[in-house]
């Protein structure tokens, strides 16, 4: 039977660091207010003319491919998760394909927001198990700083998000002891409008107007308390689902890598699951919420810190707009 495993990890974040103190100058907020509500101290913003979603993804991909001991010519398929593509169309996957010397391979964009990377991992796992492909690149990349209004009216959202990219190479393996054990995907669309960027969308004849801008309907919107409650519940459920599917217990987890939405959410999940602090990885303090990029950035940092050991049980979990949520259980 075919199995799949992660063999390379990489990431890229833009050079520009934006601290909470920088945001204090632009809106009615404070370092203490942001830190207390999110855990974030700083984030990265892209440089126009230098950084794009696709070329940030390419930088992360190059690192992951090299760490896997491969070249772009070895990759059979690209899966690109993002909610902030370079263009409305075509997708960023094909733009990544032209950034590096890949063959004329397929490229698939995934729009599952904060859960997008795990959705991409699941798709790659199924393609490899079916025998269709042997080596797949999965990328999560976002530029969100330019959809935020750095003002008091958009304060609750604007302080949370940053830009960045992460990537993994997933390869076929016949080793049942080091592989992706299972993935679990969910959605609940009735809450779609609780976390949304409505405009420009296709529902109106005029996708963008002065009225829409004046009313702030072109800005991201979130029901913060509702999202928080749903996230804590769904994170715990989908982690338990992965463990039960593999006859494992919470105490078997060596590293939980949650989507970096909010440090308070991660901490609430950690406490609910009864995990010690050293078994849950967070870096939201440095990067903010980079949506589809958070988990692969975390994995790359963990790899660099030599904190992913052969045989470790690693659990990935995410929750985001849609609502979507997902988990992946990996024997590293």
Protein backbone atom coordinates (compact mmCIF):
# COMPACT_ATOMS: atom_id res chain seq x y z
CA UNK A 1 0.00 0.00 0.00
CA UNK A 2 1.17 3.53 -0.78
CA UNK A 3 1.69 5.95 2.10
CA UNK A 4 2.89 9.55 2.15
CA UNK A 5 5.24 11.51 4.38
CA UNK A 6 6.57 15.03 4.69
CA UNK A 7 10.21 15.09 3.60
CA UNK A 8 10.97 18.81 3.34
CA UNK A 9 9.77 22.02 5.00
CA UNK A 10 10.43 25.68 4.24
CA UNK A 11 9.14 29.19 4.83
CA UNK A 12 9.54 32.83 3.90
CA UNK A 13 8.40 35.99 5.64
CA UNK A 14 8.82 39.56 4.32
CA UNK A 15 11.53 41.80 5.72
CA UNK A 16 9.26 44.57 7.05
CA UNK A 17 8.46 44.09 10.73
CA UNK A 18 5.40 45.96 12.04
CA UNK A 19 5.19 46.08 15.82
CA UNK A 20 2.22 46.81 18.03
CA UNK A 21 3.86 50.15 18.83
CA UNK A 22 3.85 50.96 15.10
CA UNK A 23 0.10 50.31 15.02
CA UNK A 24 -0.45 52.56 18.03
CA UNK A 25 0.47 55.48 15.75
CA UNK A 26 -2.24 54.55 13.21
CA UNK A 27 -5.27 53.68 15.33
CA UNK A 28 -6.73 53.78 18.81
CA UNK A 29 -4.96 50.75 20.24
CA UNK A 30 -2.01 49.80 22.41
CA UNK A 31 0.62 47.14 22.70
CA UNK A 32 -1.01 45.94 25.93
CA UNK A 33 -4.48 45.75 24.32
CA UNK A 34 -3.24 43.74 21.31
CA UNK A 35 -1.05 41.44 23.40
CA UNK A 36 -3.79 40.70 25.92
CA UNK A 37 -6.37 39.82 23.24
CA UNK A 38 -4.19 37.97 20.75
CA UNK A 39 -0.68 37.35 22.07
CA UNK A 40 0.74 39.12 19.00
CA UNK A 41 3.74 41.45 19.43
CA UNK A 42 4.67 41.97 15.77
CA UNK A 43 3.92 40.81 12.25
CA UNK A 44 5.46 41.05 8.75
CA UNK A 45 4.09 43.17 5.89
CA UNK A 46 5.04 42.64 2.26
CA UNK A 47 7.01 45.09 0.12
CA UNK A 48 5.19 46.11 -3.05
CA UNK A 49 7.28 45.36 -6.13
CA UNK A 50 9.30 42.73 -4.29
CA UNK A 51 6.90 40.32 -2.61
CA UNK A 52 3.91 38.60 -4.17
CA UNK A 53 1.88 35.66 -2.91
CA UNK A 54 3.30 33.42 -5.63
CA UNK A 55 6.96 34.45 -5.30
CA UNK A 56 6.83 34.23 -1.49
CA UNK A 57 5.41 30.75 -1.97
CA UNK A 58 8.25 30.01 -4.38
CA UNK A 59 10.87 31.05 -1.82
CA UNK A 60 9.31 28.77 0.78
CA UNK A 61 8.97 26.00 -1.83
CA UNK A 62 12.62 26.23 -2.89
CA UNK A 63 13.70 25.78 0.71
CA UNK A 64 11.38 22.82 1.24
CA UNK A 65 12.47 21.14 -2.00
CA UNK A 66 16.17 21.55 -1.17
CA UNK A 67 15.66 20.21 2.35
CA UNK A 68 13.94 17.17 0.84
CA UNK A 69 17.06 16.59 -1.27
CA UNK A 70 15.15 17.23 -4.49
CA UNK A 71 14.94 19.72 -7.34
CA UNK A 72 11.80 21.34 -8.81
CA UNK A 73 12.05 18.86 -11.68
CA UNK A 74 11.27 16.06 -9.22
CA UNK A 75 7.88 17.53 -8.21
CA UNK A 76 4.80 15.95 -9.83
CA UNK A 77 2.04 18.32 -8.68
CA UNK A 78 1.50 21.65 -6.90
CA UNK A 79 -1.21 22.44 -4.34
CA UNK A 80 -1.41 26.11 -3.39
CA UNK A 81 -3.57 27.21 -0.44
CA UNK A 82 -4.39 30.93 -0.20
CA UNK A 83 -7.28 33.34 0.34
CA UNK A 84 -5.26 36.21 -1.14
CA UNK A 85 -4.22 35.14 -4.67
CA UNK A 86 -2.13 37.41 -6.87
CA UNK A 87 -5.06 37.78 -9.27
CA UNK A 88 -8.78 36.98 -9.18
CA UNK A 89 -7.76 34.54 -11.90
CA UNK A 90 -5.65 32.66 -12.79
CA UNK A 91 -4.80 31.03 -9.49
CA UNK A 92 -1.50 31.40 -7.69
CA UNK A 93 -0.60 27.74 -8.24
CA UNK A 94 0.19 28.27 -11.90
CA UNK A 95 2.09 31.46 -11.05
CA UNK A 96 4.22 29.45 -8.64
CA UNK A 97 4.77 26.85 -11.38
CA UNK A 98 6.46 29.51 -13.53
CA UNK A 99 8.58 30.89 -10.66
CA UNK A 100 10.79 27.79 -10.40
CA UNK A 101 12.03 25.34 -13.08
CA UNK A 102 9.18 22.87 -12.65
CA UNK A 103 7.99 20.62 -15.44
CA UNK A 104 4.57 21.31 -16.99
CA UNK A 105 2.84 19.80 -13.97
CA UNK A 106 -0.65 20.42 -12.67
CA UNK A 107 -1.35 23.14 -10.13
CA UNK A 108 -4.41 23.29 -7.88
CA UNK A 109 -5.53 26.24 -5.78
CA UNK A 110 -7.31 25.55 -2.48
CA UNK A 111 -9.67 28.12 -0.94
CA UNK A 112 -10.29 26.86 2.58
CA UNK A 113 -8.82 29.91 4.31
CA UNK A 114 -7.12 29.12 7.63
CA UNK A 115 -7.73 25.40 7.10
CA UNK A 116 -6.35 25.54 3.57
CA UNK A 117 -2.94 24.05 4.27
CA UNK A 118 -4.34 20.95 5.99
CA UNK A 119 -6.90 20.57 3.21
CA UNK A 120 -3.95 20.67 0.80
CA UNK A 121 -2.04 18.06 2.81
CA UNK A 122 -5.12 15.82 2.74
CA UNK A 123 -5.47 16.15 -1.03
CA UNK A 124 -1.77 15.37 -1.51
CA UNK A 125 -2.07 12.33 0.76
CA UNK A 126 -4.96 10.96 -1.28
CA UNK A 127 -3.21 11.55 -4.62
CA UNK A 128 -0.14 9.67 -3.40
CA UNK A 129 -2.16 6.84 -1.85
CA UNK A 130 -4.01 6.40 -5.15
CA UNK A 131 -0.71 6.08 -7.02
CA UNK A 132 -1.38 9.12 -9.20
CA UNK A 133 1.66 11.11 -7.99
CA UNK A 134 4.85 10.41 -6.03
CA UNK A 135 6.03 13.88 -4.99
CA UNK A 136 3.72 16.82 -4.29
CA UNK A 137 4.47 20.37 -3.18
CA UNK A 138 1.93 21.89 -0.78
CA UNK A 139 2.20 25.65 -0.22
CA UNK A 140 0.33 28.10 2.00
CA UNK A 141 0.99 31.78 1.29
CA UNK A 142 -0.79 35.04 2.06
CA UNK A 143 -0.56 38.79 1.60
CA UNK A 144 -3.23 40.26 3.85
CA UNK A 145 -1.76 43.57 4.96
CA UNK A 146 -3.22 45.28 1.89
CA UNK A 147 -6.80 44.16 2.58
CA UNK A 148 -6.66 45.66 6.06
CA UNK A 149 -7.53 49.24 6.85
CA UNK A 150 -5.04 50.32 9.49
CA UNK A 151 -7.59 52.47 11.28
CA UNK A 152 -9.70 52.43 14.43
CA UNK A 153 -12.83 51.23 12.59
CA UNK A 154 -11.01 48.08 11.39
CA UNK A 155 -8.89 47.75 14.54
CA UNK A 156 -10.20 44.40 15.76
CA UNK A 157 -9.18 42.74 12.50
CA UNK A 158 -6.22 44.83 11.40
CA UNK A 159 -4.02 44.03 14.40
CA UNK A 160 -4.28 40.26 13.90
CA UNK A 161 -2.97 39.51 10.43
CA UNK A 162 0.39 39.35 8.70
CA UNK A 163 2.02 38.17 5.48
CA UNK A 164 4.14 35.09 4.86
CA UNK A 165 4.52 31.71 3.19
CA UNK A 166 5.28 28.12 4.12
CA UNK A 167 5.69 24.92 2.12
CA UNK A 168 6.17 21.19 2.48
CA UNK A 169 7.17 18.41 0.12
CA UNK A 170 5.08 15.25 0.52
CA UNK A 171 6.48 12.04 -0.96
CA UNK A 172 5.43 8.45 -1.44
CA UNK A 173 6.77 6.02 1.15
CA UNK A 174 6.28 2.35 1.88
CA UNK A 175 7.27 2.81 5.52
CA UNK A 176 4.13 2.52 7.67
CA UNK A 177 6.02 3.80 10.70
CA UNK A 178 6.81 7.26 9.27
CA UNK A 179 3.85 8.69 7.39
CA UNK A 180 0.70 10.78 7.40
CA UNK A 181 -1.63 8.60 9.46
CA UNK A 182 -4.93 10.33 8.67
CA UNK A 183 -6.57 13.64 7.80
CA UNK A 184 -10.01 14.93 8.79
CA UNK A 185 -11.88 17.76 7.03
CA UNK A 186 -15.08 19.59 8.03
CA UNK A 187 -17.18 22.64 7.21
CA UNK A 188 -20.32 24.38 8.48
CA UNK A 189 -21.42 27.00 5.97
CA UNK A 190 -24.28 28.43 8.00
CA UNK A 191 -21.70 30.53 9.85
CA UNK A 192 -20.00 31.80 6.68
CA UNK A 193 -20.91 35.43 7.34
CA UNK A 194 -19.41 35.37 10.86
CA UNK A 195 -15.93 35.66 9.32
CA UNK A 196 -16.01 37.15 5.85
CA UNK A 197 -14.55 39.52 3.28
CA UNK A 198 -17.67 40.25 1.26
CA UNK A 199 -16.53 42.74 -1.37
CA UNK A 200 -15.47 42.78 -4.10
CA UNK A 201 -17.63 39.70 -4.72
CA UNK A 202 -19.83 38.53 -7.56
CA UNK A 203 -23.23 39.03 -5.89
CA UNK A 204 -23.63 42.65 -6.99
CA UNK A 205 -23.71 44.11 -10.49
CA UNK A 206 -21.16 46.67 -9.31
CA UNK A 207 -18.51 44.70 -7.45
CA UNK A 208 -17.04 47.84 -5.89
CA UNK A 209 -18.55 51.26 -5.30
CA UNK A 210 -17.99 54.41 -3.28
CA UNK A 211 -20.90 53.41 -1.05
CA UNK A 212 -19.36 50.03 -0.28
CA UNK A 213 -16.08 51.70 0.68
CA UNK A 214 -17.76 54.40 2.78
CA UNK A 215 -19.71 51.74 4.68
CA UNK A 216 -16.55 49.67 5.18
CA UNK A 217 -18.09 46.64 3.49
CA UNK A 218 -14.85 46.08 1.56
CA UNK A 219 -13.07 45.29 4.82
CA UNK A 220 -12.84 41.89 6.54
CA UNK A 221 -15.51 41.31 9.18
CA UNK A 222 -15.47 38.96 12.14
CA UNK A 223 -17.77 38.18 15.05
CA UNK A 224 -14.85 37.74 17.38
CA UNK A 225 -16.49 36.11 20.39
CA UNK A 226 -18.51 33.68 18.23
CA UNK A 227 -15.43 32.67 16.23
CA UNK A 228 -13.45 32.15 19.44
CA UNK A 229 -16.07 29.82 20.95
CA UNK A 230 -16.50 27.80 17.77
CA UNK A 231 -12.73 27.54 17.27
CA UNK A 232 -11.99 26.15 20.74
CA UNK A 233 -14.76 23.56 20.35
CA UNK A 234 -13.88 22.48 16.82
CA UNK A 235 -10.11 22.37 17.45
CA UNK A 236 -10.63 19.95 20.33
CA UNK A 237 -13.16 17.84 18.41
CA UNK A 238 -11.04 17.41 15.31
CA UNK A 239 -7.90 16.58 17.31
CA UNK A 240 -9.86 13.94 19.24
CA UNK A 241 -11.25 12.62 15.95
CA UNK A 242 -7.73 12.10 14.58
CA UNK A 243 -6.55 10.37 17.75
CA UNK A 244 -9.58 8.07 17.91
CA UNK A 245 -9.20 7.14 14.24
CA UNK A 246 -5.72 5.85 15.05
CA UNK A 247 -6.45 4.33 18.49
CA UNK A 248 -4.24 6.90 20.19
CA UNK A 249 -4.57 9.16 23.24
CA UNK A 250 -3.82 12.83 23.87
CA UNK A 251 -0.83 11.74 25.94
CA UNK A 252 0.66 10.16 22.78
CA UNK A 253 1.03 13.56 21.08
CA UNK A 254 4.62 14.78 20.95
CA UNK A 255 3.81 18.09 19.22
CA UNK A 256 0.54 19.86 18.50
CA UNK A 257 0.83 22.51 15.79
CA UNK A 258 -2.36 24.59 15.80
CA UNK A 259 -3.23 27.21 13.23
CA UNK A 260 -1.99 30.51 14.61
CA UNK A 261 -5.25 32.42 14.89
CA UNK A 262 -4.98 33.76 18.41
CA UNK A 263 -2.72 32.78 21.30
CA UNK A 264 -5.74 32.71 23.61
CA UNK A 265 -7.41 30.11 21.37
CA UNK A 266 -4.27 27.97 21.30
CA UNK A 267 -3.93 28.20 25.06
CA UNK A 268 -7.60 27.34 25.62
CA UNK A 269 -7.24 24.28 23.38
CA UNK A 270 -4.02 23.24 25.13
CA UNK A 271 -5.69 23.40 28.51
CA UNK A 272 -8.82 21.62 27.28
CA UNK A 273 -6.67 18.82 25.82
CA UNK A 274 -4.51 18.64 28.97
CA UNK A 275 -1.25 19.10 27.06
CA UNK A 276 1.90 20.61 28.60
CA UNK A 277 3.18 23.89 27.15
CA UNK A 278 6.23 22.29 25.55
CA UNK A 279 4.01 20.06 23.39
CA UNK A 280 2.15 22.94 21.70
CA UNK A 281 4.02 25.21 19.29
CA UNK A 282 3.10 28.86 18.83
CA UNK A 283 4.82 31.62 16.89
CA UNK A 284 1.90 34.03 16.45
CA UNK A 285 3.82 36.43 18.70
CA UNK A 286 6.27 37.05 15.82
CA UNK A 287 4.14 36.77 12.69
CA UNK A 288 0.48 37.31 13.56
CA UNK A 289 -2.10 35.23 11.71
CA UNK A 290 -0.76 34.37 8.26
CA UNK A 291 -3.84 32.21 7.54
CA UNK A 292 -2.92 29.30 5.21
CA UNK A 293 0.78 29.85 5.89
CA UNK A 294 0.80 29.51 9.69
CA UNK A 295 1.16 25.75 10.05
CA UNK A 296 3.93 25.21 7.45
CA UNK A 297 5.85 28.17 8.92
CA UNK A 298 5.57 26.51 12.34
CA UNK A 299 6.73 23.16 10.94
CA UNK A 300 9.75 24.78 9.30
CA UNK A 301 10.74 26.52 12.54
CA UNK A 302 10.31 23.31 14.52
CA UNK A 303 12.52 21.47 12.01
CA UNK A 304 15.19 24.19 12.26
CA UNK A 305 15.08 23.91 16.06
CA UNK A 306 15.50 20.12 15.82
CA UNK A 307 12.21 19.62 17.65
CA UNK A 308 10.71 17.14 15.18
CA UNK A 309 12.25 13.75 15.92
CA UNK A 310 11.89 10.56 13.93
CA UNK A 311 8.87 8.70 15.23
CA UNK A 312 7.27 11.74 16.93
CA UNK A 313 3.49 11.93 16.79
CA UNK A 314 2.68 15.36 15.33
CA UNK A 315 -0.86 16.69 15.16
CA UNK A 316 -1.83 19.61 12.90
CA UNK A 317 -5.15 21.35 13.51
CA UNK A 318 -6.87 24.39 12.04
CA UNK A 319 -10.11 26.35 12.16
CA UNK A 320 -11.14 29.28 10.00
CA UNK A 321 -13.60 31.13 7.83
CA UNK A 322 -16.29 29.02 6.26
CA UNK A 323 -16.44 27.77 8.94
CA UNK A 324 -13.87 25.13 8.02
CA UNK A 325 -11.78 23.01 10.35
CA UNK A 326 -9.37 20.15 9.87
CA UNK A 327 -6.67 17.99 11.42
CA UNK A 328 -3.84 15.77 10.28
CA UNK A 329 -2.03 13.20 12.40
CA UNK A 330 1.53 12.42 11.34
CA UNK A 331 4.12 9.93 12.50
CA UNK A 332 7.19 12.03 11.74
